Amino acid sequence: MRVAVLNDVHAMPWALEAVLAQLDADADAIVFGGDFLGGPCPRETLEIVRSLDATLIRGNAERDVDDWDSSLLDADEVAWLAALPMAAELDGVLYCHATPTSDLLCTTAVTEDAEILRMFGGVTGTVVIGHTHHQFDRRVGDLRVVNAGSVGMAYEGEVAAFWALVDGGEPEHRRTPIDVEMAVAGIRASGWPTGDEFIAENLRIAVTREEAIAYMESMPR
């Protein structure tokens, strides 16, 4: 089975559409690993996500919908989002947002092995996650934790959409260029209150892996 893993879209439909256009026609499944909301265009993004025959996993942005998203979505949609599962297994691979039991714990490329084992609580095999917005592949004993990256808010030192293709249980990191000026124009047209800040900090420049990792590793677990 070939599974496209599209995590942390953060309501950036332009980035999502770029990735969908690049997907191989013979991909068997799509997994959205949480935080497809939490950005400028929740309505448009949710319409795309729900139009696909995809497996949806709840991230913290779906569990705790912010005021902007709530103002643009119906109450029944907000309730439906909150009820999404925290994890799903396809073809022997476990998919979740942060860990199978938490949508907030941060695993990075440099997290200590002991911390990873503690956070994943005895889980073994391959687990594909998101949440920390940078790609990595960590092996700790019988556990393999792979971050697919972020489609809409990548912390990779490059403005692009980052995702993963899991082919026969083996994850492969992928990257898709996006039309930055289209995204900038779309965000400005959306009226998103934090749009100008996002454009300046995530589209006009690129957050580096090192900056993101240092910040997340400083947070309490």
Protein backbone atom coordinates (compact mmCIF):
# COMPACT_ATOMS: atom_id res chain seq x y z
CA MET A 1 0.00 0.00 0.00
CA ARG A 2 1.17 3.50 -0.85
CA VAL A 3 0.01 6.06 1.72
CA ALA A 4 0.43 9.83 1.24
CA VAL A 5 0.79 11.49 4.64
CA LEU A 6 -0.25 15.16 4.65
CA ASN A 7 0.23 16.67 8.09
CA ASP A 8 -0.05 20.18 9.49
CA VAL A 9 -1.71 21.82 6.50
CA HIS A 10 -2.77 24.67 8.81
CA ALA A 11 -5.58 25.86 6.55
CA MET A 12 -3.25 26.66 3.66
CA PRO A 13 -5.27 25.36 0.68
CA TRP A 14 -2.68 26.58 -1.85
CA ALA A 15 -0.01 24.34 -0.35
CA LEU A 16 -2.43 21.42 -0.05
CA GLU A 17 -3.55 21.73 -3.67
CA ALA A 18 0.09 21.79 -4.82
CA VAL A 19 0.77 18.51 -3.03
CA LEU A 20 -2.43 16.87 -4.26
CA ALA A 21 -1.49 17.81 -7.84
CA GLN A 22 1.86 16.06 -7.37
CA LEU A 23 0.56 12.85 -5.82
CA ASP A 24 1.13 9.75 -7.87
CA ALA A 25 -2.07 8.53 -9.46
CA ASP A 26 -1.56 5.09 -7.96
CA ALA A 27 -1.39 6.22 -4.31
CA ASP A 28 -3.75 3.93 -2.45
CA ALA A 29 -4.63 6.14 0.50
CA ILE A 30 -4.23 9.59 2.01
CA VAL A 31 -3.80 10.30 5.71
CA PHE A 32 -4.27 13.77 7.18
CA GLY A 33 -2.39 13.57 10.45
CA GLY A 34 -3.99 16.51 12.23
CA ASP A 35 -3.80 20.30 12.24
CA PHE A 36 -5.35 20.69 8.83
CA LEU A 37 -7.09 23.64 10.47
CA GLY A 38 -5.41 26.47 12.39
CA GLY A 39 -4.65 28.95 9.62
CA PRO A 40 -6.10 31.47 7.18
CA CYS A 41 -8.68 29.45 5.22
CA PRO A 42 -10.33 26.75 7.35
CA ARG A 43 -13.52 26.58 5.29
CA GLU A 44 -11.76 26.06 1.95
CA THR A 45 -9.28 23.60 3.45
CA LEU A 46 -11.93 21.54 5.19
CA GLU A 47 -13.92 21.31 1.97
CA ILE A 48 -10.89 19.89 0.16
CA VAL A 49 -10.08 17.47 2.97
CA ARG A 50 -13.63 16.15 3.21
CA SER A 51 -13.92 15.77 -0.56
CA LEU A 52 -11.19 13.13 -0.50
CA ASP A 53 -11.48 9.50 0.52
CA ALA A 54 -8.91 10.06 3.26
CA THR A 55 -8.19 8.94 6.81
CA LEU A 56 -8.48 11.92 9.15
CA ILE A 57 -6.68 12.17 12.48
CA ARG A 58 -7.35 14.85 15.06
CA GLY A 59 -4.63 17.31 15.95
CA ASN A 60 -4.67 19.99 18.62
CA ALA A 61 -6.09 22.48 16.07
CA GLU A 62 -9.15 20.25 15.61
CA ARG A 63 -9.54 19.42 19.30
CA ASP A 64 -9.36 23.06 20.38
CA VAL A 65 -10.71 25.08 17.45
CA ASP A 66 -9.60 28.70 17.69
CA ASP A 67 -11.87 31.74 17.42
CA TRP A 68 -11.04 32.39 13.75
CA ASP A 69 -11.87 28.85 12.69
CA SER A 70 -15.00 28.81 14.85
CA SER A 71 -16.25 32.00 13.20
CA LEU A 72 -16.06 30.36 9.76
CA LEU A 73 -17.26 26.83 10.54
CA ASP A 74 -20.64 25.50 11.64
CA ALA A 75 -21.11 24.18 15.16
CA ASP A 76 -21.71 20.65 13.88
CA GLU A 77 -18.44 20.80 11.94
CA VAL A 78 -16.57 21.86 15.07
CA ALA A 79 -18.11 18.96 16.99
CA TRP A 80 -17.26 16.54 14.18
CA LEU A 81 -13.64 17.70 14.19
CA ALA A 82 -13.32 17.22 17.94
CA ALA A 83 -14.61 13.65 17.61
CA LEU A 84 -11.98 12.55 15.08
CA PRO A 85 -9.70 9.72 16.24
CA MET A 86 -6.25 10.45 17.68
CA ALA A 87 -4.58 7.62 15.77
CA ALA A 88 -5.13 5.19 12.92
CA GLU A 89 -3.27 2.14 11.64
CA LEU A 90 -2.88 1.35 7.94
CA ASP A 91 -0.84 -1.52 6.56
CA GLY A 92 1.01 -2.04 9.84
CA VAL A 93 2.01 1.62 10.30
CA LEU A 94 0.56 3.76 13.08
CA TYR A 95 -0.36 7.38 12.27
CA CYS A 96 -0.96 10.09 14.86
CA HIS A 97 -0.44 13.81 15.32
CA ALA A 98 2.10 13.97 18.15
CA THR A 99 1.91 10.65 20.01
CA PRO A 100 -0.84 8.02 20.08
CA THR A 101 -2.16 9.45 23.37
CA SER A 102 -1.32 13.17 23.13
CA ASP A 103 -1.70 15.82 20.44
CA LEU A 104 0.70 18.22 22.18
CA LEU A 105 3.90 16.37 23.14
CA CYS A 106 6.87 17.49 21.03
CA THR A 107 9.27 15.03 19.44
CA THR A 108 12.09 16.58 17.44
CA ALA A 109 15.11 15.39 15.49
CA VAL A 110 17.25 15.68 18.64
CA THR A 111 14.89 14.57 21.43
CA GLU A 112 16.68 12.20 23.79
CA ASP A 113 15.99 8.51 23.22
CA ALA A 114 14.71 8.02 26.78
CA GLU A 115 12.21 10.86 26.34
CA ILE A 116 10.93 9.35 23.10
CA LEU A 117 10.39 5.98 24.75
CA ARG A 118 8.60 7.63 27.65
CA MET A 119 6.30 9.69 25.44
CA PHE A 120 5.39 6.75 23.19
CA GLY A 121 4.71 4.49 26.16
CA GLY A 122 5.77 1.06 24.96
CA VAL A 123 4.65 1.46 21.33
CA THR A 124 6.78 -0.47 18.86
CA GLY A 125 7.05 -0.52 15.08
CA THR A 126 6.76 2.50 12.78
CA VAL A 127 4.82 5.57 13.89
CA VAL A 128 4.37 8.52 11.51
CA ILE A 129 3.71 11.83 13.23
CA GLY A 130 3.54 15.58 12.62
CA HIS A 131 3.07 18.46 15.07
CA THR A 132 6.69 19.68 15.15
CA HIS A 133 6.76 20.69 11.47
CA HIS A 134 10.15 19.25 10.46
CA GLN A 135 11.01 15.95 8.86
CA PHE A 136 13.09 13.35 10.64
CA ASP A 137 13.45 9.59 11.02
CA ARG A 138 14.35 8.32 14.51
CA ARG A 139 14.91 4.73 15.64
CA VAL A 140 14.95 3.90 19.34
CA GLY A 141 15.05 0.18 20.00
CA ASP A 142 11.96 -1.39 18.42
CA LEU A 143 10.32 2.00 17.85
CA ARG A 144 10.72 4.07 14.69
CA VAL A 145 9.29 7.61 14.78
CA VAL A 146 9.07 9.41 11.44
CA ASN A 147 7.89 13.00 11.11
CA ALA A 148 6.24 13.54 7.72
CA GLY A 149 6.79 17.30 7.89
CA SER A 150 4.30 20.12 7.45
CA VAL A 151 2.39 20.90 4.27
CA GLY A 152 1.39 24.44 5.25
CA MET A 153 3.85 25.69 7.87
CA ALA A 154 7.18 23.93 7.41
CA TYR A 155 10.18 24.57 9.64
CA GLU A 156 12.79 23.37 7.16
CA GLY A 157 14.72 26.50 6.19
CA GLU A 158 12.77 26.54 2.91
CA VAL A 159 9.30 27.76 1.92
CA ALA A 160 7.68 24.64 0.47
CA ALA A 161 5.23 21.87 1.38
CA PHE A 162 6.78 18.87 3.12
CA TRP A 163 5.04 15.49 3.40
CA ALA A 164 5.72 11.76 3.21
CA LEU A 165 4.85 8.74 1.10
CA VAL A 166 4.76 5.44 2.96
CA ASP A 167 5.32 2.71 0.39
CA GLY A 168 4.88 -0.83 1.67
CA GLY A 169 5.42 0.38 5.22
CA GLU A 170 8.60 2.31 4.36
CA PRO A 171 8.34 6.11 4.77
CA GLU A 172 9.93 8.40 2.18
CA HIS A 173 10.18 12.14 2.77
CA ARG A 174 8.85 14.35 -0.01
CA ARG A 175 8.88 18.07 -0.81
CA THR A 176 6.59 20.08 -3.12
CA PRO A 177 7.20 23.68 -4.29
CA ILE A 178 4.36 26.12 -3.65
CA ASP A 179 3.33 29.38 -5.31
CA VAL A 180 4.35 31.79 -2.57
CA GLU A 181 2.80 34.87 -4.15
CA MET A 182 -0.52 33.09 -4.58
CA ALA A 183 -0.43 32.13 -0.91
CA VAL A 184 0.44 35.69 0.14
CA ALA A 185 -2.43 37.11 -1.90
CA GLY A 186 -4.83 34.49 -0.59
CA ILE A 187 -3.92 35.12 3.03
CA ARG A 188 -4.37 38.87 2.62
CA ALA A 189 -7.74 38.36 0.96
CA SER A 190 -8.88 36.00 3.73
CA GLY A 191 -8.85 38.69 6.42
CA TRP A 192 -7.06 36.33 8.84
CA PRO A 193 -6.09 38.55 11.81
CA THR A 194 -2.55 37.16 12.04
CA GLY A 195 -2.05 37.02 8.28
CA ASP A 196 0.57 39.76 7.98
CA GLU A 197 2.62 38.21 10.78
CA PHE A 198 2.44 34.77 9.16
CA ILE A 199 3.47 36.14 5.77
CA ALA A 200 6.47 37.94 7.27
CA GLU A 201 7.64 35.01 9.39
CA ASN A 202 6.76 31.97 7.27
CA LEU A 203 6.51 32.99 3.61
CA ARG A 204 8.90 35.93 3.13
CA ILE A 205 11.50 34.03 5.14
CA ALA A 206 11.76 30.38 6.14
CA VAL A 207 11.94 29.20 9.74
CA THR A 208 15.01 27.00 10.08
CA ARG A 209 15.05 23.53 11.56
CA GLU A 210 17.57 24.66 14.15
CA GLU A 211 15.39 27.56 15.35
CA ALA A 212 12.30 25.37 15.60
CA ILE A 213 14.08 22.50 17.34
CA ALA A 214 15.71 24.78 19.90
CA TYR A 215 12.35 26.35 20.75
CA MET A 216 10.46 23.05 21.02
CA GLU A 217 13.16 21.34 23.05
CA SER A 218 12.95 24.22 25.55
CA MET A 219 9.27 23.48 26.20
CA PRO A 220 8.28 21.31 29.19
CA ARG A 221 7.00 17.81 28.46
